[in-house]
Protein backbone atom coordinates (compact mmCIF):
# COMPACT_ATOMS: atom_id res chain seq x y z
CA MET A 1 3.83 23.01 44.11
CA LEU A 2 3.41 25.62 41.38
CA ALA A 3 5.97 23.78 39.23
CA VAL A 4 3.99 20.52 39.57
CA LEU A 5 0.73 22.29 38.70
CA LEU A 6 2.32 23.87 35.60
CA ALA A 7 3.74 20.50 34.53
CA VAL A 8 0.28 18.90 34.81
CA VAL A 9 -1.35 21.72 32.84
CA LEU A 10 1.33 21.49 30.15
CA ALA A 11 0.89 17.72 29.94
CA LEU A 12 -2.88 18.12 29.50
CA ILE A 13 -2.34 20.67 26.72
CA VAL A 14 0.07 18.33 24.91
CA ILE A 15 -2.35 15.39 25.23
CA ALA A 16 -5.30 17.48 24.02
CA ALA A 17 -3.29 18.68 21.01
CA ALA A 18 -1.98 15.22 20.10
CA PRO A 19 -3.38 13.85 16.83
CA GLY A 20 -6.20 11.39 17.24
CA VAL A 21 -6.82 12.05 20.92
CA GLY A 22 -10.41 12.82 21.82
CA GLY A 23 -11.83 11.42 18.56
CA LYS A 24 -9.96 13.78 16.22
CA PRO A 25 -8.92 12.15 12.95
CA VAL A 26 -5.27 11.52 12.22
CA ARG A 27 -4.07 12.39 8.73
CA VAL A 28 -1.12 10.39 7.44
CA THR A 29 0.80 11.57 4.39
CA TYR A 30 1.83 8.70 2.13
CA ASP A 31 5.59 8.87 1.67
CA ARG A 32 5.96 7.79 -1.95
CA ARG A 33 9.74 8.05 -1.86
CA ALA A 34 9.93 5.74 1.16
CA ALA A 35 7.63 3.20 -0.54
CA ALA A 36 9.71 3.26 -3.74
CA ALA A 37 13.00 3.08 -1.81
CA TYR A 38 11.72 0.05 0.10
CA ALA A 39 10.65 -1.56 -3.20
CA ASP A 40 14.07 -0.98 -4.77
CA HIS A 41 15.89 -2.25 -1.68
CA TRP A 42 13.86 -5.48 -1.39
CA ALA A 43 12.96 -6.10 -5.06
CA LEU A 44 15.50 -8.87 -5.54
CA LYS A 45 15.50 -10.30 -2.01
CA VAL A 46 13.13 -11.15 0.83
CA ASN A 47 12.72 -9.19 4.06
CA SER A 48 12.86 -11.91 6.72
CA ALA A 49 10.81 -9.75 9.11
CA TYR A 50 7.76 -10.66 6.99
CA TRP A 51 6.10 -13.89 5.93
CA SER A 52 6.98 -14.76 2.34
CA SER A 53 6.19 -17.32 -0.32
CA PRO A 54 8.67 -18.20 -3.07
CA ASN A 55 5.88 -18.91 -5.57
CA ASN A 56 3.31 -16.21 -4.88
CA ASP A 57 4.59 -13.09 -3.14
CA CYS A 58 3.59 -10.08 -5.26
CA ALA A 59 0.75 -8.70 -3.11
CA ASN A 60 2.77 -9.35 0.05
CA PHE A 61 5.67 -7.35 -1.41
CA VAL A 62 3.44 -4.44 -2.50
CA SER A 63 1.76 -4.44 0.93
CA GLN A 64 5.18 -4.12 2.56
CA CYS A 65 6.01 -1.20 0.26
CA LEU A 66 2.77 0.62 1.07
CA ALA A 67 3.38 0.10 4.79
CA ALA A 68 6.93 1.42 4.38
CA GLY A 69 5.32 4.52 2.87
CA GLY A 70 3.38 5.02 6.11
CA LEU A 71 0.01 3.44 5.33
CA ARG A 72 -1.36 1.77 8.44
CA PRO A 73 -2.81 -1.72 8.75
CA THR A 74 -6.60 -1.93 8.62
CA ALA A 75 -8.95 -4.05 10.70
CA ASP A 76 -12.10 -3.79 8.57
CA ALA A 77 -14.26 -6.87 9.13
CA GLY A 78 -13.67 -9.27 6.25
CA ARG A 79 -11.10 -6.96 4.64
CA GLU A 80 -8.31 -6.77 7.18
CA TRP A 81 -5.03 -5.63 5.63
CA ARG A 82 -2.07 -6.37 7.90
CA ALA A 83 1.04 -8.44 8.24
CA ASP A 84 1.62 -10.79 11.15
CA GLY A 85 5.41 -10.90 11.14
CA ALA A 86 6.61 -14.35 10.17
CA ALA A 87 3.12 -15.85 10.56
CA PHE A 88 0.66 -15.99 7.65
CA PRO A 89 -0.81 -12.48 7.18
CA THR A 90 -4.40 -11.57 6.36
CA LEU A 91 -5.76 -12.46 2.94
CA ALA A 92 -5.89 -8.81 1.80
CA TRP A 93 -2.18 -8.45 2.58
CA VAL A 94 -1.17 -11.32 0.26
CA ASN A 95 -3.90 -11.81 -2.37
CA CYS A 96 -4.20 -9.44 -5.35
CA GLU A 97 -7.99 -9.40 -5.62
CA ALA A 98 -8.54 -9.17 -1.86
CA GLN A 99 -5.88 -6.47 -1.58
CA LYS A 100 -7.43 -4.37 -4.36
CA ARG A 101 -10.89 -4.62 -2.72
CA ALA A 102 -9.60 -3.81 0.77
CA LEU A 103 -7.51 -0.81 -0.30
CA SER A 104 -10.34 0.61 -2.45
CA GLN A 105 -12.85 0.65 0.40
CA ARG A 106 -13.52 3.51 2.75
CA SER A 107 -14.53 2.36 6.21
CA ALA A 108 -15.66 3.89 9.47
CA THR A 109 -12.03 3.98 10.60
CA HIS A 110 -10.13 5.22 7.51
CA SER A 111 -10.41 6.85 4.11
CA ARG A 112 -9.61 4.97 0.89
CA TYR A 113 -6.04 3.99 0.12
CA ILE A 114 -6.78 3.61 -3.62
CA VAL A 115 -8.46 6.83 -4.75
CA ALA A 116 -8.62 6.32 -8.54
CA VAL A 117 -8.57 3.35 -10.91
CA SER A 118 -8.12 3.52 -14.68
CA ARG A 119 -7.13 1.42 -17.67
CA GLU A 120 -4.69 4.10 -18.86
CA VAL A 121 -1.79 5.72 -17.03
CA PRO A 122 -3.28 8.73 -15.18
CA SER A 123 -1.72 12.16 -15.69
CA ASP A 124 -0.84 12.33 -11.98
CA TRP A 125 0.84 8.89 -11.95
CA ALA A 126 3.86 8.69 -9.65
CA ALA A 127 6.22 6.47 -7.71
CA GLY A 128 4.34 4.58 -5.02
CA ASP A 129 1.26 3.93 -7.17
CA VAL A 130 0.35 0.33 -8.00
CA VAL A 131 -0.75 -1.63 -11.06
CA TYR A 132 -2.96 -4.72 -10.92
CA LEU A 133 -2.59 -7.17 -13.79
CA GLY A 134 -4.85 -10.04 -14.74
CA ASN A 135 -6.49 -12.17 -17.37
CA ARG A 136 -10.04 -13.04 -18.31
CA VAL A 137 -11.01 -16.46 -17.02
CA HIS A 138 -14.45 -17.75 -18.05
CA GLY A 139 -15.42 -14.20 -19.04
CA CYS A 140 -14.42 -12.58 -15.73
CA VAL A 141 -11.25 -10.65 -14.90
CA GLU A 142 -9.02 -12.35 -12.34
CA TRP A 143 -6.38 -10.06 -10.80
CA GLN A 144 -3.30 -12.26 -10.68
CA HIS A 145 -0.35 -9.93 -10.19
CA VAL A 146 0.44 -6.52 -8.68
CA ILE A 147 3.50 -4.30 -9.19
CA ILE A 148 4.57 -0.95 -7.72
CA CYS A 149 5.81 2.09 -9.61
CA VAL A 150 9.26 3.20 -8.42
CA GLY A 151 9.90 6.13 -10.74
CA ARG A 152 11.08 6.75 -14.28
CA ARG A 153 13.98 5.61 -16.38
CA GLY A 154 14.56 7.25 -19.73
CA GLY A 155 11.15 8.94 -19.56
CA GLU A 156 9.30 5.65 -19.00
CA PHE A 157 7.75 4.54 -15.71
CA VAL A 158 9.44 1.51 -14.17
CA TYR A 159 8.16 -1.02 -11.64
CA ASP A 160 9.35 -3.52 -9.04
CA SER A 161 7.69 -6.82 -8.17
CA HIS A 162 8.00 -10.14 -6.39
CA THR A 163 6.96 -13.70 -7.20
CA ASN A 164 9.38 -13.49 -10.10
CA ALA A 165 11.60 -10.80 -8.61
CA ARG A 166 11.99 -7.83 -10.92
CA LYS A 167 13.57 -4.43 -10.36
CA ARG A 168 12.94 -1.28 -12.38
CA ARG A 169 11.27 -2.94 -15.35
CA PRO A 170 8.92 -1.15 -17.77
CA LEU A 171 5.24 -2.12 -17.78
CA GLY A 172 5.72 -3.90 -21.13
CA HIS A 173 7.60 -6.63 -19.28
CA TRP A 174 4.20 -7.76 -17.91
CA TYR A 175 1.49 -6.09 -20.01
CA PRO A 176 0.40 -7.09 -22.58
CA ALA A 177 3.15 -9.71 -22.79
CA HIS A 178 1.70 -11.91 -20.00
CA PHE A 179 -1.55 -10.25 -18.90
CA SER A 180 -4.52 -9.01 -20.93
CA GLU A 181 -6.01 -6.72 -18.25
CA VAL A 182 -4.43 -3.76 -16.44
CA ARG A 183 -5.66 -1.32 -13.78
CA PHE A 184 -3.60 1.67 -12.69
CA CYS A 185 -4.43 2.41 -9.06
CA ARG A 186 -3.57 5.82 -7.68
CA ILE A 187 -2.66 5.70 -3.98
CA ALA A 188 -3.98 8.53 -1.82
CA ASP A 189 -1.49 11.23 -0.91
CA VAL A 190 -3.16 11.50 2.50
CA VAL A 191 -5.17 8.88 4.41
CA SER A 192 -7.38 9.91 7.31
CA TYR A 193 -7.83 7.56 10.27
CA GLU A 194 -10.66 8.00 12.74
CA GLN A 195 -9.68 7.39 16.35
CA ARG A 196 -12.17 5.49 18.48
C-alpha cells in the first residue's frame, strides 16, 4: 500500500514538473544545426512525407527545415503554419508572403519565430536563418522566393532552396541577379509556447 501511495505521489510530482502542464509556457530551443542538416539532405530531392510542387516549392521546403529545427506548427486564425502530410498544407506553410507574415507574428499561443528583419546581413546571422527575395510589382514588393542559410563556405554564407533545387549557393546566385528586394530574417533561438 505504501509503495502504491509513493508511486502516485511521484507521478503527481513528475506531471506537475512537466513543461507546459498547468498553464506553464514551454520554451523550445531552435536547433539550427538540425534545420541546416535537413536542408542539405533534402536540397536536391523531395521528402515524400510532405506535399510538394515541382514548380513552386520554396516556402514548403523552408517550412520543413524550420520544423526539422524544432519549431512547432501554429494554429493562429488566418495564419496557420503547418503541413498536412501528403495533403495540401496551409497557405503560410507554402506561400512566401503568407509564411513571412505568419512567422513574424506573436500570438496568444507562441512568441515570434522571426525576431528581426533587415536589408543587410545582420551581425548575428547564422545557419537556420532565412532570406526572403522579391521584386517590385506595380510599386509594391512581392515576396516570391525564400531560401535558408546552411552555413559558410570560404567565408561566405551559403543557402539551400527548392523550386529550382539549389544546394550551398551564395546569395549572389539569387540577389541581385534575379530579385531586386531582399530581407534577412533572423529566426528566434528560443520560441515560447503557451499551453492552454
